[in-house]
Amino acid sequence: MNGAGTPGPAAGVGSVAEETLAGLGGAVSAYVGRRHGWGGDTPPVTVLDAVQLRRGRPGLLDVVAEVGSRVVHVPLGLRSPDDQVRVLADGEDVVLGIVGDGDGDAVVFDALRDSETAALLLAHVAGARVDAALVRQLRMDDASVTMAMEDRFSFTVFNDVAPGSRPEVDTLFALDDAGFNHVAAPLSRWRRGPWDLGVVQELLAGPSSGRALALTSVRDLYASGGPPEMAGGDFGAEAHRLGTMAARMHLALERAFGRRRAGVKVWADAVHGALAARRPEQSDRPDVLSVLEALDRLPESADAIRTHGDFGLGKVWRTEQGWYVGDLAPGGWPPPAPQGPSPPVIEDDGIAYRTPLADVADMMWSLTDVAASAAEERDPSGSEGLGELAAAWEQRNRRSFLAGYLGVPGIATLVPPGREAVRLLVTALELERASRA
């Protein structure tokens, strides 16, 4: 496997023939037109970089192209016209056209939709060989595709690229280098020229999403009633472990990227401005004003670090080995609000730095969201009066998370001193997070 800055093995890499280049624009255009979320009229395609990763049949071509304002990365497979493409997923036509090369005409297709070419691509990037019969797609979003390679590797290929390193990949390797072992270990980084093209990680065995586990817990409570700690699916111990993991993550991020100086007032003012713009009726409520005014009176510092950026129950997974975190927000930037100002951050060279308590507030909001979702699911009319049980479940798990978080040695150096200052800042930041929902 290759480290953070090491490209994959070079065997079989070569320049692309002129006759092949001529057909690549059409293949990329077809790919963009069919890609979920990218559809519509396809602007003209300009190929920026094309490399033959594997000659022969099946072959591999890797293309970076400019399509309108988007720069796309498309690994392509090549098969003989009479050969069968081994489609992985939903049975859609994955053939993108015909191109010619030194070995004759070839059907060109999305290499990640064919199990054999996907496995060959992994071998090129990471030097690892897997059984093509055990390759499957894990997920696809607007920017990437992630494949499971046997039960050993998770292989993410970035399709929407830009010059420079991807901050979320930098963070992933930095956390691993800092000794934070609650991420799926990064094994190889695929980079060519100015672009990050993909990353290979260990594949987590049998992960359960934090949101799914929390929903099970609160559903059990709504069904049984009584104190949340007595319900069959009590989440308190897991919330404590999550808090411990979050603090260790923040300490590792501070070691890796340092901190940016800030005071509590910076965050209080930003929250007040965000609420005034997004929810003016809420910003002048007495309870909200009381929290913000109390923060204004605090002289303490609340320095900023690189954070997860979107830290909630849907971004963590439980395995037999413990909790893991993933889906780091690109550049640490929190999800934007539909309207009003951006979330409170300190920007430095395109990277968002926040008080680590912003991640804590995101998790507090996530706990509330889970309790509300489960109540709406069970009792849409509200006739069962689940509010008291929801509040008890939230309170137990908030306290457990914070106890785990604040109990980690060293975390006191990253947060304002005193439980009351922490409580006030988390409350304010949670109000800001809720205003973006």
Protein backbone atom coordinates (compact mmCIF):
# COMPACT_ATOMS: atom_id res chain seq x y z
CA MET A 1 0.00 0.00 0.00
CA ASN A 2 1.04 3.57 -0.60
CA GLY A 3 1.26 6.49 1.78
CA ALA A 4 -0.31 9.91 1.69
CA GLY A 5 1.80 11.35 -1.09
CA THR A 6 2.76 8.26 -3.08
CA PRO A 7 1.11 7.52 -6.43
CA GLY A 8 -0.02 4.03 -7.33
CA PRO A 9 2.16 1.52 -9.19
CA ALA A 10 3.18 2.67 -12.64
CA ALA A 11 3.12 -0.68 -14.46
CA GLY A 12 1.19 -0.42 -17.72
CA VAL A 13 0.86 3.36 -17.61
CA GLY A 14 1.29 5.08 -20.94
CA SER A 15 0.24 7.99 -23.09
CA VAL A 16 -3.00 7.78 -25.03
CA ALA A 17 -2.91 7.49 -28.81
CA GLU A 18 -4.37 10.31 -30.91
CA GLU A 19 -7.08 8.02 -32.30
CA THR A 20 -8.14 7.18 -28.75
CA LEU A 21 -8.16 10.82 -27.62
CA ALA A 22 -10.53 11.68 -30.45
CA GLY A 23 -13.22 9.42 -29.01
CA LEU A 24 -12.83 10.28 -25.34
CA GLY A 25 -14.80 13.52 -25.45
CA GLY A 26 -17.93 11.66 -26.51
CA ALA A 27 -17.45 9.00 -23.80
CA VAL A 28 -17.02 11.65 -21.08
CA SER A 29 -20.04 13.56 -22.40
CA ALA A 30 -22.15 10.38 -22.23
CA TYR A 31 -20.94 9.69 -18.69
CA VAL A 32 -21.81 13.20 -17.48
CA GLY A 33 -25.22 13.05 -19.14
CA ARG A 34 -26.10 9.81 -17.36
CA ARG A 35 -24.57 10.51 -13.96
CA HIS A 36 -27.23 10.97 -11.30
CA GLY A 37 -27.46 14.61 -10.33
CA TRP A 38 -25.31 15.70 -13.27
CA GLY A 39 -27.85 15.17 -16.06
CA GLY A 40 -29.22 17.67 -18.51
CA ASP A 41 -27.54 19.35 -21.44
CA THR A 42 -23.83 18.51 -21.46
CA PRO A 43 -21.48 21.39 -22.30
CA PRO A 44 -18.54 20.81 -24.65
CA VAL A 45 -15.83 18.53 -23.26
CA THR A 46 -12.15 19.44 -23.13
CA VAL A 47 -9.85 16.56 -22.18
CA LEU A 48 -7.20 17.88 -19.78
CA ASP A 49 -5.39 14.62 -19.04
CA ALA A 50 -5.72 11.06 -20.29
CA VAL A 51 -3.54 8.12 -19.31
CA GLN A 52 -3.67 4.48 -20.36
CA LEU A 53 -3.39 2.57 -17.10
CA ARG A 54 -3.66 -0.91 -18.63
CA ARG A 55 -3.21 -1.97 -22.22
CA GLY A 56 -4.96 -4.86 -23.89
CA ARG A 57 -8.42 -6.16 -23.06
CA PRO A 58 -9.82 -5.47 -20.63
CA GLY A 59 -7.97 -2.18 -20.66
CA LEU A 60 -8.11 0.91 -18.48
CA LEU A 61 -8.06 4.57 -19.41
CA ASP A 62 -8.18 7.37 -16.87
CA VAL A 63 -9.49 10.74 -17.99
CA VAL A 64 -9.73 14.19 -16.42
CA ALA A 65 -11.80 16.60 -18.48
CA GLU A 66 -13.36 20.03 -18.26
CA VAL A 67 -17.11 19.97 -18.83
CA GLY A 68 -18.49 23.48 -18.54
CA SER A 69 -17.55 24.75 -15.09
CA ARG A 70 -16.97 21.24 -13.76
CA VAL A 71 -13.72 19.25 -13.89
CA VAL A 72 -14.59 15.56 -13.97
CA HIS A 73 -12.54 12.44 -13.43
CA VAL A 74 -13.73 9.31 -15.21
CA PRO A 75 -11.94 5.93 -15.11
CA LEU A 76 -12.91 4.05 -18.26
CA GLY A 77 -12.80 0.36 -19.09
CA LEU A 78 -12.10 -1.07 -22.53
CA ARG A 79 -13.41 -4.40 -23.82
CA SER A 80 -13.51 -6.06 -27.20
CA PRO A 81 -16.81 -5.47 -29.01
CA ASP A 82 -17.73 -9.15 -28.65
CA ASP A 83 -16.87 -9.27 -24.93
CA GLN A 84 -19.45 -8.78 -22.20
CA VAL A 85 -19.33 -5.90 -19.72
CA ARG A 86 -19.89 -7.35 -16.24
CA VAL A 87 -22.33 -4.78 -14.91
CA LEU A 88 -22.29 -4.47 -11.13
CA ALA A 89 -25.24 -2.43 -10.06
CA ASP A 90 -28.73 -1.69 -11.35
CA GLY A 91 -28.66 -3.05 -14.88
CA GLU A 92 -28.39 0.36 -16.60
CA ASP A 93 -26.50 0.52 -19.87
CA VAL A 94 -22.96 1.46 -18.88
CA VAL A 95 -21.49 1.52 -22.40
CA LEU A 96 -20.32 5.02 -23.29
CA GLY A 97 -19.16 4.57 -26.87
CA ILE A 98 -16.50 3.05 -29.09
CA VAL A 99 -12.86 4.11 -29.21
CA GLY A 100 -9.87 2.81 -31.10
CA ASP A 101 -6.36 2.23 -29.79
CA GLY A 102 -3.32 0.20 -30.72
CA ASP A 103 -5.25 -3.00 -30.03
CA GLY A 104 -8.18 -2.14 -32.32
CA ASP A 105 -11.68 -0.89 -31.62
CA ALA A 106 -13.02 -1.22 -28.08
CA VAL A 107 -16.26 -0.70 -26.25
CA VAL A 108 -15.62 2.01 -23.64
CA PHE A 109 -17.59 2.01 -20.39
CA ASP A 110 -17.57 3.19 -16.77
CA ALA A 111 -14.77 1.11 -15.23
CA LEU A 112 -16.37 1.17 -11.78
CA ARG A 113 -19.54 -0.47 -13.05
CA ASP A 114 -17.68 -3.62 -14.14
CA SER A 115 -16.34 -5.84 -11.36
CA GLU A 116 -13.24 -6.97 -13.27
CA THR A 117 -12.10 -3.50 -14.35
CA ALA A 118 -12.88 -2.08 -10.90
CA ALA A 119 -10.60 -4.72 -9.38
CA LEU A 120 -7.89 -3.94 -11.96
CA LEU A 121 -8.16 -0.24 -11.12
CA LEU A 122 -7.58 -1.00 -7.43
CA ALA A 123 -4.52 -3.06 -8.38
CA HIS A 124 -3.12 -0.08 -10.28
CA VAL A 125 -3.80 2.43 -7.50
CA ALA A 126 -2.83 0.39 -4.45
CA GLY A 127 -1.02 -2.70 -5.68
CA ALA A 128 -3.71 -4.89 -4.07
CA ARG A 129 -5.37 -7.76 -5.90
CA VAL A 130 -8.91 -8.85 -5.07
CA ASP A 131 -11.44 -11.36 -6.36
CA ALA A 132 -13.61 -9.51 -8.89
CA ALA A 133 -16.58 -11.62 -7.81
CA LEU A 134 -16.38 -9.94 -4.39
CA VAL A 135 -16.45 -6.34 -5.63
CA ARG A 136 -19.58 -4.26 -5.03
CA GLN A 137 -20.64 -0.64 -4.97
CA LEU A 138 -21.14 0.82 -1.50
CA ARG A 139 -22.41 4.29 -2.35
CA MET A 140 -22.44 7.06 -4.91
CA ASP A 141 -22.88 10.78 -4.31
CA ASP A 142 -22.49 13.91 -6.41
CA ALA A 143 -18.70 13.89 -6.09
CA SER A 144 -17.54 10.28 -5.73
CA VAL A 145 -18.16 6.54 -5.94
CA THR A 146 -17.10 4.15 -3.18
CA MET A 147 -16.52 0.45 -3.83
CA ALA A 148 -16.13 -2.43 -1.40
CA MET A 149 -13.26 -4.69 -2.49
CA GLU A 150 -13.77 -8.08 -0.88
CA ASP A 151 -14.10 -7.47 2.86
CA ARG A 152 -10.73 -5.74 2.98
CA PHE A 153 -10.77 -2.41 1.18
CA SER A 154 -12.95 0.60 0.65
CA PHE A 155 -11.97 2.33 -2.60
CA THR A 156 -13.32 5.85 -3.19
CA VAL A 157 -12.88 7.42 -6.61
CA PHE A 158 -13.46 11.16 -6.85
CA ASN A 159 -15.38 12.17 -9.98
CA ASP A 160 -15.66 15.90 -9.27
CA VAL A 161 -12.10 17.19 -8.92
CA ALA A 162 -10.17 20.44 -8.62
CA PRO A 163 -6.48 21.35 -8.62
CA GLY A 164 -4.82 20.97 -5.23
CA SER A 165 -5.19 18.40 -2.51
CA ARG A 166 -8.64 17.57 -1.14
CA PRO A 167 -8.80 18.89 2.44
CA GLU A 168 -10.89 15.94 3.66
CA VAL A 169 -8.21 13.53 2.41
CA ASP A 170 -5.50 15.63 4.06
CA THR A 171 -7.50 15.44 7.30
CA LEU A 172 -7.97 11.69 7.01
CA PHE A 173 -4.22 11.03 6.69
CA ALA A 174 -3.38 13.66 9.32
CA LEU A 175 -5.70 12.01 11.85
CA ASP A 176 -4.13 8.64 11.14
CA ASP A 177 -0.62 10.09 11.45
CA ALA A 178 -1.60 11.73 14.75
CA GLY A 179 -2.52 8.34 16.19
CA PHE A 180 -6.30 8.77 16.05
CA ASN A 181 -7.48 5.23 15.36
CA HIS A 182 -11.21 5.90 15.04
CA VAL A 183 -11.15 6.37 11.26
CA ALA A 184 -11.05 3.62 8.66
CA ALA A 185 -7.29 3.49 8.16
CA PRO A 186 -6.15 5.23 4.95
CA LEU A 187 -3.93 2.91 2.94
CA SER A 188 -3.23 4.63 -0.38
CA ARG A 189 -3.83 8.02 -1.97
CA TRP A 190 -4.38 8.19 -5.72
CA ARG A 191 -2.99 11.44 -7.09
CA ARG A 192 -1.82 12.51 -10.52
CA GLY A 193 -0.69 15.95 -11.53
CA PRO A 194 -2.58 18.58 -9.53
CA TRP A 195 -5.58 16.35 -8.75
CA ASP A 196 -6.57 14.00 -5.94
CA LEU A 197 -8.30 11.17 -7.78
CA GLY A 198 -9.13 8.66 -5.04
CA VAL A 199 -8.28 7.04 -1.75
CA VAL A 200 -8.12 3.45 -0.49
CA GLN A 201 -9.01 2.66 3.14
CA GLU A 202 -9.59 -0.40 5.22
CA LEU A 203 -13.19 -1.60 5.03
CA LEU A 204 -14.97 -1.52 8.37
CA ALA A 205 -16.49 -4.88 9.25
CA GLY A 206 -20.20 -4.88 10.10
CA PRO A 207 -20.66 -1.17 10.86
CA SER A 208 -23.94 0.13 12.29
CA SER A 209 -24.74 3.79 11.84
CA GLY A 210 -24.97 5.87 14.98
CA ARG A 211 -28.29 7.25 13.83
CA ALA A 212 -29.75 3.76 13.39
CA LEU A 213 -28.61 2.73 16.88
CA ALA A 214 -29.98 5.92 18.44
CA LEU A 215 -33.31 5.49 16.65
CA THR A 216 -33.58 1.95 17.98
CA SER A 217 -32.90 3.24 21.48
CA VAL A 218 -35.52 5.98 21.43
CA ARG A 219 -38.11 3.72 19.76
CA ASP A 220 -37.64 1.20 22.57
CA LEU A 221 -38.18 3.97 25.10
CA TYR A 222 -41.35 5.20 23.41
CA ALA A 223 -42.68 1.64 23.37
CA SER A 224 -41.84 0.80 26.99
CA GLY A 225 -42.00 4.14 28.80
CA GLY A 226 -40.21 4.75 32.09
CA PRO A 227 -36.70 6.11 32.64
CA PRO A 228 -34.48 5.96 29.52
CA GLU A 229 -31.72 4.11 31.38
CA MET A 230 -34.17 1.24 32.00
CA ALA A 231 -35.21 0.86 28.35
CA GLY A 232 -33.88 -2.16 26.48
CA GLY A 233 -31.94 -0.07 23.98
CA ASP A 234 -30.41 2.47 26.39
CA PHE A 235 -27.92 4.60 24.46
CA GLY A 236 -26.25 6.27 27.43
CA ALA A 237 -23.06 4.20 27.49
CA GLU A 238 -22.63 4.59 23.72
CA ALA A 239 -23.15 8.36 23.96
CA HIS A 240 -20.38 8.47 26.59
CA ARG A 241 -18.03 6.54 24.28
CA LEU A 242 -18.94 8.86 21.41
CA GLY A 243 -18.04 11.87 23.54
CA THR A 244 -14.67 10.32 24.38
CA MET A 245 -13.99 9.65 20.70
CA ALA A 246 -14.96 13.21 19.74
CA ALA A 247 -12.53 14.71 22.25
CA ARG A 248 -9.71 12.48 21.02
CA MET A 249 -10.50 13.52 17.45
CA HIS A 250 -10.28 17.20 18.37
CA LEU A 251 -6.99 16.76 20.19
CA ALA A 252 -5.56 14.93 17.16
CA LEU A 253 -6.81 17.65 14.80
CA GLU A 254 -5.20 20.33 16.96
CA ARG A 255 -1.90 18.43 16.95
CA ALA A 256 -2.05 18.05 13.18
CA PHE A 257 -3.20 21.52 12.12
CA GLY A 258 -2.76 23.80 15.12
CA ARG A 259 -5.28 26.37 16.28
CA ARG A 260 -6.46 29.85 15.41
CA ARG A 261 -6.93 32.32 18.24
CA ALA A 262 -10.48 33.43 19.03
CA GLY A 263 -12.55 34.55 21.99
CA VAL A 264 -16.01 33.48 23.09
CA LYS A 265 -17.42 36.80 21.83
CA VAL A 266 -16.47 35.94 18.24
CA TRP A 267 -18.79 32.95 18.31
CA ALA A 268 -21.53 34.72 20.28
CA ASP A 269 -21.65 37.58 17.78
CA ALA A 270 -21.68 35.18 14.83
CA VAL A 271 -24.56 33.17 16.33
CA HIS A 272 -26.53 36.33 17.06
CA GLY A 273 -26.05 37.56 13.48
CA ALA A 274 -27.04 34.20 12.01
CA LEU A 275 -30.20 33.95 14.10
CA ALA A 276 -31.17 37.54 13.35
CA ALA A 277 -30.93 36.84 9.62
CA ARG A 278 -32.46 33.37 9.54
CA ARG A 279 -34.90 33.35 12.43
CA PRO A 280 -35.50 36.92 13.58
CA GLU A 281 -38.43 35.88 15.74
CA GLN A 282 -36.12 33.60 17.71
CA SER A 283 -33.13 35.92 18.04
CA ASP A 284 -35.04 38.33 20.31
CA ARG A 285 -36.54 35.70 22.61
CA PRO A 286 -35.60 36.33 26.25
CA ASP A 287 -34.04 32.88 26.73
CA VAL A 288 -31.88 33.28 23.61
CA LEU A 289 -30.83 36.79 24.51
CA SER A 290 -29.96 35.58 28.01
CA VAL A 291 -27.57 32.95 26.63
CA LEU A 292 -25.90 35.36 24.20
CA GLU A 293 -25.57 38.14 26.77
CA ALA A 294 -24.02 35.70 29.26
CA LEU A 295 -21.52 34.65 26.60
CA ASP A 296 -20.67 38.29 25.88
CA ARG A 297 -19.65 38.71 29.51
CA LEU A 298 -17.21 35.79 29.41
CA PRO A 299 -13.58 36.89 28.97
CA GLU A 300 -12.36 33.40 28.12
CA SER A 301 -10.78 32.33 24.87
CA ALA A 302 -12.48 29.81 22.60
CA ASP A 303 -9.82 29.01 20.02
CA ALA A 304 -10.64 27.47 16.66
CA ILE A 305 -9.28 24.22 15.21
CA ARG A 306 -10.08 22.14 12.17
CA THR A 307 -13.20 20.23 13.07
CA HIS A 308 -15.27 17.50 11.46
CA GLY A 309 -17.64 20.19 10.22
CA ASP A 310 -20.83 18.12 10.14
CA PHE A 311 -20.55 15.89 13.18
CA GLY A 312 -23.78 14.02 13.85
CA LEU A 313 -25.11 10.53 14.45
CA GLY A 314 -25.25 9.89 10.71
CA LYS A 315 -21.49 10.43 10.42
CA VAL A 316 -20.37 7.83 12.97
CA TRP A 317 -20.43 4.04 12.90
CA ARG A 318 -20.28 1.39 15.61
CA THR A 319 -18.32 -1.81 15.04
CA GLU A 320 -17.17 -4.56 17.37
CA GLN A 321 -13.95 -2.57 17.77
CA GLY A 322 -15.74 0.61 18.84
CA TRP A 323 -16.87 3.88 17.26
CA TYR A 324 -15.51 5.24 13.98
CA VAL A 325 -16.02 8.59 12.33
CA GLY A 326 -16.19 9.36 8.62
CA ASP A 327 -17.64 11.64 5.94
CA LEU A 328 -15.48 14.56 7.02
CA ALA A 329 -16.91 17.80 5.68
CA PRO A 330 -14.73 19.07 2.79
CA GLY A 331 -12.37 21.66 4.21
CA GLY A 332 -14.21 21.43 7.52
CA TRP A 333 -17.00 23.60 6.10
CA PRO A 334 -20.36 23.02 7.79
CA PRO A 335 -23.46 22.54 5.62
CA PRO A 336 -24.64 25.99 4.50
CA ALA A 337 -27.91 27.56 5.52
CA PRO A 338 -30.68 27.94 2.92
CA GLN A 339 -30.54 31.66 3.62
CA GLY A 340 -28.64 34.16 5.69
CA PRO A 341 -24.95 34.20 6.60
CA SER A 342 -22.56 31.27 6.48
CA PRO A 343 -22.08 29.17 9.64
CA PRO A 344 -19.64 30.64 12.21
CA VAL A 345 -16.09 29.82 11.13
CA ILE A 346 -12.66 31.39 10.92
CA GLU A 347 -11.40 30.93 7.36
CA ASP A 348 -7.71 30.41 6.69
CA ASP A 349 -6.53 29.63 3.16
CA GLY A 350 -9.90 28.17 2.20
CA ILE A 351 -10.13 25.94 5.30
CA ALA A 352 -12.80 26.41 7.97
CA TYR A 353 -11.70 26.51 11.61
CA ARG A 354 -14.28 26.38 14.40
CA THR A 355 -14.36 26.01 18.12
CA PRO A 356 -14.44 22.25 18.75
CA LEU A 357 -17.65 22.86 20.69
CA ALA A 358 -19.32 23.49 17.32
CA ASP A 359 -18.92 19.75 16.60
CA VAL A 360 -20.33 19.05 20.07
CA ALA A 361 -23.30 21.30 19.32
CA ASP A 362 -23.85 19.48 16.01
CA MET A 363 -24.08 16.20 17.94
CA MET A 364 -26.49 17.71 20.48
CA TRP A 365 -28.71 18.87 17.63
CA SER A 366 -28.48 15.39 16.08
CA LEU A 367 -29.73 13.78 19.30
CA THR A 368 -32.71 16.14 19.32
CA ASP A 369 -33.40 15.41 15.66
CA VAL A 370 -33.40 11.64 16.27
CA ALA A 371 -35.83 11.93 19.18
CA ALA A 372 -38.15 14.14 17.13
CA SER A 373 -37.98 11.86 14.07
CA ALA A 374 -38.84 8.77 16.10
CA ALA A 375 -41.76 10.60 17.78
CA GLU A 376 -43.12 11.76 14.40
CA GLU A 377 -42.78 8.22 13.06
CA ARG A 378 -44.64 6.63 15.99
CA ASP A 379 -47.20 9.32 16.71
CA PRO A 380 -47.75 11.77 13.83
CA SER A 381 -50.79 13.30 15.53
CA GLY A 382 -48.98 13.89 18.82
CA SER A 383 -51.80 12.23 20.76
CA GLU A 384 -49.46 9.99 22.78
CA GLY A 385 -47.66 12.92 24.34
CA LEU A 386 -44.13 11.62 23.81
CA GLY A 387 -42.50 14.97 24.58
CA GLU A 388 -41.58 14.08 28.16
CA LEU A 389 -39.97 10.79 27.15
CA ALA A 390 -38.11 12.52 24.30
CA ALA A 391 -36.78 15.17 26.67
CA ALA A 392 -35.62 12.52 29.16
CA TRP A 393 -33.86 10.54 26.41
CA GLU A 394 -32.15 13.66 25.09
CA GLN A 395 -31.07 14.81 28.55
CA ARG A 396 -29.56 11.44 29.45
CA ASN A 397 -27.58 11.16 26.23
CA ARG A 398 -26.48 14.79 26.16
CA ARG A 399 -25.10 14.45 29.67
CA SER A 400 -23.43 11.15 28.82
CA PHE A 401 -21.80 12.57 25.69
CA LEU A 402 -20.53 15.66 27.49
CA ALA A 403 -19.23 13.59 30.41
CA GLY A 404 -17.25 11.44 27.98
CA TYR A 405 -16.01 14.48 26.08
CA LEU A 406 -14.95 16.61 29.02
CA GLY A 407 -13.40 13.65 30.81
CA VAL A 408 -10.63 13.17 28.22
CA PRO A 409 -7.24 14.43 29.48
CA GLY A 410 -6.16 17.51 27.56
CA ILE A 411 -9.54 18.56 26.21
CA ALA A 412 -9.72 21.38 28.74
CA THR A 413 -6.99 23.13 26.73
CA LEU A 414 -9.35 23.41 23.74
CA VAL A 415 -12.55 24.65 25.39
CA PRO A 416 -13.41 27.63 27.62
CA PRO A 417 -12.77 26.92 31.32
CA GLY A 418 -15.74 25.96 33.44
CA ARG A 419 -18.80 23.82 32.79
CA GLU A 420 -21.08 26.86 32.61
CA ALA A 421 -19.05 28.48 29.83
CA VAL A 422 -19.09 25.20 27.90
CA ARG A 423 -22.85 24.87 28.42
CA LEU A 424 -23.56 28.39 27.22
CA LEU A 425 -21.40 28.14 24.11
CA VAL A 426 -22.78 24.72 23.13
CA THR A 427 -26.34 26.02 23.62
CA ALA A 428 -25.69 29.04 21.40
CA LEU A 429 -24.01 27.00 18.68
CA GLU A 430 -26.82 24.44 18.75
CA LEU A 431 -29.32 27.24 18.13
CA GLU A 432 -27.26 28.25 15.09
CA ARG A 433 -27.16 24.65 13.85
CA ALA A 434 -30.92 24.29 14.24
CA SER A 435 -31.43 27.47 12.23
CA ARG A 436 -29.76 25.75 9.25
CA ALA A 437 -32.09 22.74 9.30
